[in-house]
C-alpha atoms as a PDB file:
ATOM      1  CA  MET A   1      -8.358 -27.166  17.744  1.00  0.00           C
ATOM      2  CA  THR A   2      -8.727 -24.453  20.384  1.00  0.00           C
ATOM      3  CA  LYS A   3     -10.731 -21.252  20.030  1.00  0.00           C
ATOM      4  CA  GLU A   4      -7.469 -19.341  20.339  1.00  0.00           C
ATOM      5  CA  GLN A   5      -5.939 -21.211  17.403  1.00  0.00           C
ATOM      6  CA  VAL A   6      -8.980 -20.597  15.223  1.00  0.00           C
ATOM      7  CA  GLN A   7      -8.914 -16.901  16.152  1.00  0.00           C
ATOM      8  CA  PHE A   8      -5.193 -16.719  15.342  1.00  0.00           C
ATOM      9  CA  TYR A   9      -5.834 -18.189  11.908  1.00  0.00           C
ATOM     10  CA  ARG A  10      -8.805 -15.879  11.321  1.00  0.00           C
ATOM     11  CA  GLU A  11      -6.581 -12.851  11.910  1.00  0.00           C
ATOM     12  CA  ASN A  12      -3.334 -14.032  10.315  1.00  0.00           C
ATOM     13  CA  ASN A  13      -4.511 -16.539   7.692  1.00  0.00           C
ATOM     14  CA  TYR A  14      -1.713 -18.926   8.634  1.00  0.00           C
ATOM     15  CA  ILE A  15      -0.867 -21.126  11.591  1.00  0.00           C
ATOM     16  CA  LYS A  16       1.861 -23.640  12.465  1.00  0.00           C
ATOM     17  CA  LEU A  17       0.834 -26.666  14.532  1.00  0.00           C
ATOM     18  CA  LYS A  18       3.342 -28.949  16.191  1.00  0.00           C
ATOM     19  CA  ASN A  19       2.929 -32.726  16.554  1.00  0.00           C
ATOM     20  CA  VAL A  20       0.243 -33.094  13.899  1.00  0.00           C
ATOM     21  CA  PHE A  21       2.010 -36.317  12.901  1.00  0.00           C
ATOM     22  CA  ASP A  22       4.285 -38.684  14.815  1.00  0.00           C
ATOM     23  CA  LYS A  23       7.864 -38.758  13.562  1.00  0.00           C
ATOM     24  CA  GLU A  24       7.430 -42.411  12.531  1.00  0.00           C
ATOM     25  CA  ILE A  25       4.624 -41.390  10.175  1.00  0.00           C
ATOM     26  CA  ILE A  26       6.777 -38.642   8.675  1.00  0.00           C
ATOM     27  CA  PHE A  27       9.710 -41.027   8.178  1.00  0.00           C
ATOM     28  CA  LYS A  28       7.353 -43.522   6.514  1.00  0.00           C
ATOM     29  CA  TYR A  29       5.930 -40.954   4.092  1.00  0.00           C
ATOM     30  CA  ASN A  30       9.335 -39.465   3.369  1.00  0.00           C
ATOM     31  CA  SER A  31      10.241 -42.820   1.866  1.00  0.00           C
ATOM     32  CA  ILE A  32       6.910 -43.459   0.117  1.00  0.00           C
ATOM     33  CA  ILE A  33       6.561 -39.986  -1.395  1.00  0.00           C
ATOM     34  CA  SER A  34      10.230 -39.827  -2.404  1.00  0.00           C
ATOM     35  CA  GLU A  35       9.818 -43.075  -4.331  1.00  0.00           C
ATOM     36  CA  GLN A  36       6.666 -41.813  -6.053  1.00  0.00           C
ATOM     37  CA  VAL A  37       8.325 -38.497  -6.939  1.00  0.00           C
ATOM     38  CA  SER A  38      11.238 -40.406  -8.446  1.00  0.00           C
ATOM     39  CA  LYS A  39       8.839 -42.434 -10.608  1.00  0.00           C
ATOM     40  CA  MET A  40       7.024 -39.330 -11.832  1.00  0.00           C
ATOM     41  CA  THR A  41       9.992 -37.013 -12.368  1.00  0.00           C
ATOM     42  CA  LYS A  42      10.918 -36.397 -15.995  1.00  0.00           C
ATOM     43  CA  ASP A  43      12.999 -33.267 -15.388  1.00  0.00           C
ATOM     44  CA  ASP A  44      16.606 -33.695 -16.526  1.00  0.00           C
ATOM     45  CA  ILE A  45      17.508 -30.005 -16.914  1.00  0.00           C
ATOM     46  CA  PRO A  46      20.524 -29.054 -14.751  1.00  0.00           C
ATOM     47  CA  LEU A  47      19.616 -26.794 -11.823  1.00  0.00           C
ATOM     48  CA  GLU A  48      21.903 -23.995 -12.989  1.00  0.00           C
ATOM     49  CA  GLU A  49      20.091 -23.800 -16.337  1.00  0.00           C
ATOM     50  CA  LYS A  50      16.627 -23.291 -14.832  1.00  0.00           C
ATOM     51  CA  ASP A  51      14.799 -20.003 -14.248  1.00  0.00           C
ATOM     52  CA  THR A  52      13.876 -18.725 -10.774  1.00  0.00           C
ATOM     53  CA  TYR A  53      10.664 -20.763 -10.636  1.00  0.00           C
ATOM     54  CA  GLY A  54      12.402 -23.901 -11.870  1.00  0.00           C
ATOM     55  CA  LYS A  55      15.149 -23.530  -9.271  1.00  0.00           C
ATOM     56  CA  ALA A  56      12.576 -23.165  -6.489  1.00  0.00           C
ATOM     57  CA  PHE A  57      11.434 -26.791  -6.441  1.00  0.00           C
ATOM     58  CA  GLN A  58      10.411 -29.916  -8.290  1.00  0.00           C
ATOM     59  CA  GLN A  59       6.600 -29.793  -8.350  1.00  0.00           C
ATOM     60  CA  LEU A  60       4.461 -32.890  -8.869  1.00  0.00           C
ATOM     61  CA  PHE A  61       0.685 -33.093  -8.533  1.00  0.00           C
ATOM     62  CA  ASN A  62      -2.102 -35.451  -7.467  1.00  0.00           C
ATOM     63  CA  LEU A  63       0.132 -38.180  -6.131  1.00  0.00           C
ATOM     64  CA  TRP A  64      -2.895 -39.462  -4.197  1.00  0.00           C
ATOM     65  CA  THR A  65      -4.484 -40.702  -7.427  1.00  0.00           C
ATOM     66  CA  LYS A  66      -1.409 -42.801  -8.249  1.00  0.00           C
ATOM     67  CA  ASN A  67      -0.465 -44.362  -4.906  1.00  0.00           C
ATOM     68  CA  ASP A  68      -2.829 -45.901  -2.353  1.00  0.00           C
ATOM     69  CA  GLU A  69      -0.561 -45.188   0.625  1.00  0.00           C
ATOM     70  CA  ILE A  70      -0.233 -41.518  -0.326  1.00  0.00           C
ATOM     71  CA  SER A  71      -4.005 -41.439  -0.781  1.00  0.00           C
ATOM     72  CA  GLU A  72      -4.382 -42.393   2.899  1.00  0.00           C
ATOM     73  CA  LEU A  73      -2.394 -39.297   3.879  1.00  0.00           C
ATOM     74  CA  VAL A  74      -4.055 -36.849   1.472  1.00  0.00           C
ATOM     75  CA  LEU A  75      -7.579 -38.062   2.325  1.00  0.00           C
ATOM     76  CA  ASP A  76      -6.872 -38.230   6.064  1.00  0.00           C
ATOM     77  CA  ARG A  77     -10.035 -37.096   7.861  1.00  0.00           C
ATOM     78  CA  ARG A  78      -8.140 -35.617  10.793  1.00  0.00           C
ATOM     79  CA  LEU A  79      -6.077 -33.366   8.521  1.00  0.00           C
ATOM     80  CA  ALA A  80      -9.259 -32.349   6.698  1.00  0.00           C
ATOM     81  CA  ALA A  81     -11.023 -31.680  10.012  1.00  0.00           C
ATOM     82  CA  ILE A  82      -8.265 -29.255  11.021  1.00  0.00           C
ATOM     83  CA  ALA A  83      -8.630 -27.474   7.672  1.00  0.00           C
ATOM     84  CA  SER A  84     -12.409 -27.274   8.075  1.00  0.00           C
ATOM     85  CA  ARG A  85     -12.185 -25.920  11.608  1.00  0.00           C
ATOM     86  CA  LEU A  86      -9.607 -23.284  10.708  1.00  0.00           C
ATOM     87  CA  MET A  87     -11.653 -22.052   7.736  1.00  0.00           C
ATOM     88  CA  GLU A  88     -14.843 -22.221   9.831  1.00  0.00           C
ATOM     89  CA  VAL A  89     -16.775 -24.134   7.184  1.00  0.00           C
ATOM     90  CA  GLU A  90     -19.027 -27.191   7.469  1.00  0.00           C
ATOM     91  CA  GLY A  91     -16.807 -29.416   5.389  1.00  0.00           C
ATOM     92  CA  VAL A  92     -13.984 -29.575   2.871  1.00  0.00           C
ATOM     93  CA  ARG A  93     -13.100 -31.318  -0.353  1.00  0.00           C
ATOM     94  CA  ILE A  94      -9.733 -31.803  -2.069  1.00  0.00           C
ATOM     95  CA  TYR A  95      -8.595 -29.298  -4.672  1.00  0.00           C
ATOM     96  CA  HIS A  96      -5.336 -31.135  -5.357  1.00  0.00           C
ATOM     97  CA  ASP A  97      -2.088 -32.188  -3.723  1.00  0.00           C
ATOM     98  CA  GLN A  98       1.513 -31.269  -4.553  1.00  0.00           C
ATOM     99  CA  ALA A  99       4.924 -32.647  -3.715  1.00  0.00           C
ATOM    100  CA  LEU A 100       7.394 -29.759  -3.502  1.00  0.00           C
ATOM    101  CA  PHE A 101      10.995 -30.978  -3.435  1.00  0.00           C
ATOM    102  CA  LYS A 102      13.581 -28.173  -3.199  1.00  0.00           C
ATOM    103  CA  GLN A 103      16.857 -29.658  -4.387  1.00  0.00           C
ATOM    104  CA  ALA A 104      20.153 -29.171  -2.591  1.00  0.00           C
ATOM    105  CA  GLY A 105      21.307 -25.740  -3.702  1.00  0.00           C
ATOM    106  CA  GLY A 106      17.800 -24.882  -4.922  1.00  0.00           C
ATOM    107  CA  GLY A 107      16.842 -21.224  -5.052  1.00  0.00           C
ATOM    108  CA  ILE A 108      14.175 -19.143  -3.364  1.00  0.00           C
ATOM    109  CA  THR A 109      10.451 -19.594  -3.792  1.00  0.00           C
ATOM    110  CA  PRO A 110       9.384 -16.021  -4.644  1.00  0.00           C
ATOM    111  CA  TRP A 111       6.662 -14.110  -2.815  1.00  0.00           C
ATOM    112  CA  HIS A 112       3.232 -15.021  -4.178  1.00  0.00           C
ATOM    113  CA  ALA A 113      -0.395 -15.791  -3.317  1.00  0.00           C
ATOM    114  CA  ASP A 114      -1.616 -19.236  -4.381  1.00  0.00           C
ATOM    115  CA  GLN A 115      -5.150 -18.210  -5.273  1.00  0.00           C
ATOM    116  CA  TYR A 116      -3.903 -16.227  -8.263  1.00  0.00           C
ATOM    117  CA  TYR A 117      -4.009 -19.618 -10.026  1.00  0.00           C
ATOM    118  CA  TRP A 118      -7.340 -20.893  -8.705  1.00  0.00           C
ATOM    119  CA  PRO A 119     -10.699 -20.347 -10.526  1.00  0.00           C
ATOM    120  CA  LEU A 120     -12.658 -20.477  -7.260  1.00  0.00           C
ATOM    121  CA  ASN A 121     -15.405 -18.178  -6.035  1.00  0.00           C
ATOM    122  CA  SER A 122     -14.328 -17.621  -2.416  1.00  0.00           C
ATOM    123  CA  ASP A 123     -11.271 -17.380  -0.195  1.00  0.00           C
ATOM    124  CA  LYS A 124     -12.263 -20.487   1.758  1.00  0.00           C
ATOM    125  CA  THR A 125      -9.151 -22.336   0.623  1.00  0.00           C
ATOM    126  CA  ILE A 126      -6.294 -23.655   2.721  1.00  0.00           C
ATOM    127  CA  THR A 127      -3.015 -25.457   2.114  1.00  0.00           C
ATOM    128  CA  ALA A 128      -1.557 -27.962   4.560  1.00  0.00           C
ATOM    129  CA  TRP A 129       2.262 -27.759   4.178  1.00  0.00           C
ATOM    130  CA  ILE A 130       3.794 -30.980   5.527  1.00  0.00           C
ATOM    131  CA  PRO A 131       7.613 -31.153   5.706  1.00  0.00           C
ATOM    132  CA  LEU A 132       8.901 -34.704   5.426  1.00  0.00           C
ATOM    133  CA  GLN A 133      11.954 -33.999   7.581  1.00  0.00           C
ATOM    134  CA  GLU A 134      13.080 -31.490  10.181  1.00  0.00           C
ATOM    135  CA  THR A 135      13.395 -28.241   8.235  1.00  0.00           C
ATOM    136  CA  PRO A 136      15.888 -25.672   9.571  1.00  0.00           C
ATOM    137  CA  LEU A 137      16.176 -22.159   8.173  1.00  0.00           C
ATOM    138  CA  SER A 138      19.061 -23.289   5.959  1.00  0.00           C
ATOM    139  CA  MET A 139      16.688 -25.625   4.080  1.00  0.00           C
ATOM    140  CA  GLY A 140      14.239 -22.890   3.093  1.00  0.00           C
ATOM    141  CA  PRO A 141      11.093 -23.428   5.184  1.00  0.00           C
ATOM    142  CA  LEU A 142       7.862 -21.639   4.308  1.00  0.00           C
ATOM    143  CA  GLU A 143       7.699 -17.960   5.342  1.00  0.00           C
ATOM    144  CA  PHE A 144       4.540 -15.910   5.853  1.00  0.00           C
ATOM    145  CA  SER A 145       3.532 -12.262   5.870  1.00  0.00           C
ATOM    146  CA  ALA A 146       0.993 -12.582   8.689  1.00  0.00           C
ATOM    147  CA  GLY A 147      -2.298 -10.895   7.866  1.00  0.00           C
ATOM    148  CA  SER A 148      -1.259  -9.942   4.329  1.00  0.00           C
ATOM    149  CA  GLN A 149      -4.463 -11.425   2.895  1.00  0.00           C
ATOM    150  CA  ALA A 150      -5.799  -7.887   3.393  1.00  0.00           C
ATOM    151  CA  ILE A 151      -3.554  -6.538   0.612  1.00  0.00           C
ATOM    152  CA  GLN A 152      -4.956  -6.368  -2.901  1.00  0.00           C
ATOM    153  CA  GLU A 153      -1.757  -5.244  -4.635  1.00  0.00           C
ATOM    154  CA  GLY A 154       0.228  -8.179  -5.938  1.00  0.00           C
ATOM    155  CA  ARG A 155      -2.685 -10.563  -6.299  1.00  0.00           C
ATOM    156  CA  ASP A 156      -2.410 -10.272 -10.077  1.00  0.00           C
ATOM    157  CA  LEU A 157       1.195 -11.492 -10.200  1.00  0.00           C
ATOM    158  CA  GLU A 158       2.222 -15.006 -11.135  1.00  0.00           C
ATOM    159  CA  ILE A 159       5.111 -16.447  -9.142  1.00  0.00           C
ATOM    160  CA  GLY A 160       8.528 -15.330 -10.374  1.00  0.00           C
ATOM    161  CA  ASP A 161      11.143 -12.587 -10.208  1.00  0.00           C
ATOM    162  CA  ASP A 162       8.510  -9.876 -10.690  1.00  0.00           C
ATOM    163  CA  SER A 163       6.331 -11.101  -7.819  1.00  0.00           C
ATOM    164  CA  GLU A 164       9.358 -11.419  -5.519  1.00  0.00           C
ATOM    165  CA  ALA A 165      10.440  -7.824  -6.158  1.00  0.00           C
ATOM    166  CA  LYS A 166       7.058  -6.084  -6.231  1.00  0.00           C
ATOM    167  CA  ILE A 167       5.409  -7.933  -3.345  1.00  0.00           C
ATOM    168  CA  GLN A 168       8.523  -7.622  -1.193  1.00  0.00           C
ATOM    169  CA  GLU A 169       8.532  -3.860  -1.782  1.00  0.00           C
ATOM    170  CA  ARG A 170       4.809  -3.608  -0.948  1.00  0.00           C
ATOM    171  CA  LEU A 171       5.210  -5.639   2.239  1.00  0.00           C
ATOM    172  CA  ARG A 172       8.244  -3.610   3.284  1.00  0.00           C
ATOM    173  CA  VAL A 173       6.041  -0.568   3.978  1.00  0.00           C
ATOM    174  CA  THR A 174       3.405  -2.469   5.981  1.00  0.00           C
ATOM    175  CA  ASP A 175       3.191  -3.485   9.632  1.00  0.00           C
ATOM    176  CA  PHE A 176       2.611  -7.182   8.878  1.00  0.00           C
ATOM    177  CA  ASN A 177       4.934  -9.556  10.709  1.00  0.00           C
ATOM    178  CA  HIS A 178       7.299 -11.533   8.483  1.00  0.00           C
ATOM    179  CA  ILE A 179       7.383 -15.014  10.000  1.00  0.00           C
ATOM    180  CA  ILE A 180      10.553 -17.041   9.327  1.00  0.00           C
ATOM    181  CA  GLU A 181      10.798 -20.119  11.532  1.00  0.00           C
ATOM    182  CA  PRO A 182      12.128 -23.688  11.240  1.00  0.00           C
ATOM    183  CA  PHE A 183       9.782 -26.696  11.244  1.00  0.00           C
ATOM    184  CA  ASP A 184      10.099 -29.619  13.633  1.00  0.00           C
ATOM    185  CA  ILE A 185       9.360 -33.170  12.491  1.00  0.00           C
ATOM    186  CA  GLY A 186       5.582 -33.618  12.545  1.00  0.00           C
ATOM    187  CA  GLU A 187       4.897 -29.878  12.481  1.00  0.00           C
ATOM    188  CA  VAL A 188       2.461 -28.720   9.794  1.00  0.00           C
ATOM    189  CA  SER A 189       1.499 -25.237   8.666  1.00  0.00           C
ATOM    190  CA  PHE A 190      -1.826 -24.171   7.191  1.00  0.00           C
ATOM    191  CA  HIS A 191      -2.244 -21.026   5.074  1.00  0.00           C
ATOM    192  CA  SER A 192      -5.005 -19.417   3.050  1.00  0.00           C
ATOM    193  CA  GLY A 193      -5.033 -18.866  -0.686  1.00  0.00           C
ATOM    194  CA  TRP A 194      -4.564 -15.102  -0.483  1.00  0.00           C
ATOM    195  CA  ILE A 195      -1.849 -14.752   2.168  1.00  0.00           C
ATOM    196  CA  PHE A 196       1.523 -13.797   0.704  1.00  0.00           C
ATOM    197  CA  HIS A 197       4.273 -16.309   1.406  1.00  0.00           C
ATOM    198  CA  ARG A 198       7.692 -17.391   0.134  1.00  0.00           C
ATOM    199  CA  ALA A 199      10.595 -19.691   1.025  1.00  0.00           C
ATOM    200  CA  GLY A 200      14.328 -19.193   1.167  1.00  0.00           C
ATOM    201  CA  ALA A 201      16.985 -21.100  -0.741  1.00  0.00           C
ATOM    202  CA  ASN A 202      18.067 -24.594   0.263  1.00  0.00           C
ATOM    203  CA  GLU A 203      21.644 -24.044   1.393  1.00  0.00           C
ATOM    204  CA  THR A 204      22.150 -27.650   2.527  1.00  0.00           C
ATOM    205  CA  ASP A 205      23.364 -30.717   0.646  1.00  0.00           C
ATOM    206  CA  GLN A 206      20.027 -32.506   1.139  1.00  0.00           C
ATOM    207  CA  THR A 207      16.690 -32.165  -0.666  1.00  0.00           C
ATOM    208  CA  ARG A 208      13.988 -30.312   1.264  1.00  0.00           C
ATOM    209  CA  LYS A 209      10.986 -32.599   0.866  1.00  0.00           C
ATOM    210  CA  VAL A 210       7.461 -31.300   1.423  1.00  0.00           C
ATOM    211  CA  MET A 211       4.004 -32.725   0.735  1.00  0.00           C
ATOM    212  CA  THR A 212       1.073 -30.348   0.485  1.00  0.00           C
ATOM    213  CA  VAL A 213      -2.685 -30.846   0.423  1.00  0.00           C
ATOM    214  CA  ILE A 214      -4.974 -28.058  -0.767  1.00  0.00           C
ATOM    215  CA  PHE A 215      -8.478 -28.112   0.683  1.00  0.00           C
ATOM    216  CA  MET A 216     -11.480 -25.970  -0.243  1.00  0.00           C
ATOM    217  CA  ASP A 217     -14.946 -25.393   1.163  1.00  0.00           C
ATOM    218  CA  LYS A 218     -17.105 -28.350   0.092  1.00  0.00           C
ATOM    219  CA  ASP A 219     -19.586 -25.858  -1.429  1.00  0.00           C
ATOM    220  CA  MET A 220     -16.951 -24.017  -3.484  1.00  0.00           C
ATOM    221  CA  LYS A 221     -17.994 -23.036  -7.009  1.00  0.00           C
ATOM    222  CA  ALA A 222     -15.957 -22.566 -10.145  1.00  0.00           C
ATOM    223  CA  ILE A 223     -15.672 -19.084 -11.639  1.00  0.00           C
ATOM    224  CA  LYS A 224     -14.735 -17.829 -15.090  1.00  0.00           C
ATOM    225  CA  PRO A 225     -10.926 -17.954 -15.315  1.00  0.00           C
ATOM    226  CA  GLN A 226      -9.245 -14.570 -14.909  1.00  0.00           C
ATOM    227  CA  ASN A 227      -5.859 -15.598 -16.339  1.00  0.00           C
ATOM    228  CA  GLN A 228      -4.158 -18.449 -18.187  1.00  0.00           C
ATOM    229  CA  GLY A 229      -3.180 -20.122 -14.932  1.00  0.00           C
ATOM    230  CA  GLN A 230      -6.804 -20.280 -13.801  1.00  0.00           C
ATOM    231  CA  GLN A 231      -7.887 -21.612 -17.200  1.00  0.00           C
ATOM    232  CA  LYS A 232      -5.328 -24.411 -16.917  1.00  0.00           C
ATOM    233  CA  ASP A 233      -6.386 -25.164 -13.338  1.00  0.00           C
ATOM    234  CA  LEU A 234     -10.056 -25.316 -14.323  1.00  0.00           C
ATOM    235  CA  GLU A 235      -9.287 -27.874 -17.002  1.00  0.00           C
ATOM    236  CA  THR A 236      -6.802 -29.871 -14.911  1.00  0.00           C
ATOM    237  CA  TRP A 237      -8.124 -29.907 -11.342  1.00  0.00           C
ATOM    238  CA  LEU A 238     -11.853 -29.453 -11.995  1.00  0.00           C
ATOM    239  CA  PRO A 239     -12.366 -31.665 -15.072  1.00  0.00           C
ATOM    240  CA  GLY A 240     -15.886 -31.420 -16.423  1.00  0.00           C
ATOM    241  CA  VAL A 241     -16.947 -28.704 -13.971  1.00  0.00           C
ATOM    242  CA  GLN A 242     -18.656 -25.734 -15.625  1.00  0.00           C
ATOM    243  CA  VAL A 243     -18.447 -22.114 -14.489  1.00  0.00           C
ATOM    244  CA  GLY A 244     -20.964 -21.555 -11.692  1.00  0.00           C
ATOM    245  CA  GLU A 245     -21.110 -25.225 -10.693  1.00  0.00           C
ATOM    246  CA  THR A 246     -19.896 -26.736  -7.439  1.00  0.00           C
ATOM    247  CA  ALA A 247     -16.215 -27.741  -7.747  1.00  0.00           C
ATOM    248  CA  SER A 248     -17.031 -31.424  -7.374  1.00  0.00           C
ATOM    249  CA  SER A 249     -15.346 -33.443 -10.086  1.00  0.00           C
ATOM    250  CA  LYS A 250     -14.286 -37.045  -9.530  1.00  0.00           C
ATOM    251  CA  ILE A 251     -10.890 -35.817  -8.271  1.00  0.00           C
ATOM    252  CA  ASN A 252     -12.407 -33.352  -5.751  1.00  0.00           C
ATOM    253  CA  PRO A 253     -13.982 -35.669  -3.165  1.00  0.00           C
ATOM    254  CA  VAL A 254     -15.407 -34.401   0.110  1.00  0.00           C
ATOM    255  CA  VAL A 255     -13.082 -35.690   2.857  1.00  0.00           C
ATOM    256  CA  TYR A 256     -14.737 -34.052   5.852  1.00  0.00           C
ATOM    257  CA  PRO A 257     -17.248 -34.615   7.301  1.00  0.00           C
END
């Protein structure tokens, strides 16, 4: 990491980094993660019958606890070191991972901020968004409103039609740059929990496959849930952790240093 990259992230709360992984690694994990997603998927509802959130992607969690090869990727120290450096913290632990597979013909991912769902006491959170193939604009790559972590309005909205409309209207009257760019193979983006982001529809005939890893400051503490989503997250991703305690359950290991 360069000082310029860290400064860019500090100001914009997102960054895209090319060549984080070799294409052979991406091809390997495309196959491994696709197989694991297939094993875990129980969704048989037709795409056209789903709501906006359901059309956005298939979402599966904590694959690293079910597959040793995926665990090697999620617990990769180099990936965690990048996250730590960008957040300017001494170390990071895992919050959880997610596979986000946007089906062929899948709809938009509405504007939202991830940390709406997280019962965590600081903004020292970061998501590594790892496409498992080249991702052109027609596939619906991740989009960012650079610097929008400064906006308070919209933080109380869960992801859906309402967040798409209201956050889009709020961002329309700001000077924040709306970043819409394709992803090369091996390119990875990192974004904070409070930056507003979205993704377009998948207009291709192929599934847009993405693996994500959410890191948090190793000293992060749990807070009293502010909504139902945070209550569910506290119970699911921080099992046994009490309000005010360090977020260090058995599924939140420190991965760097």
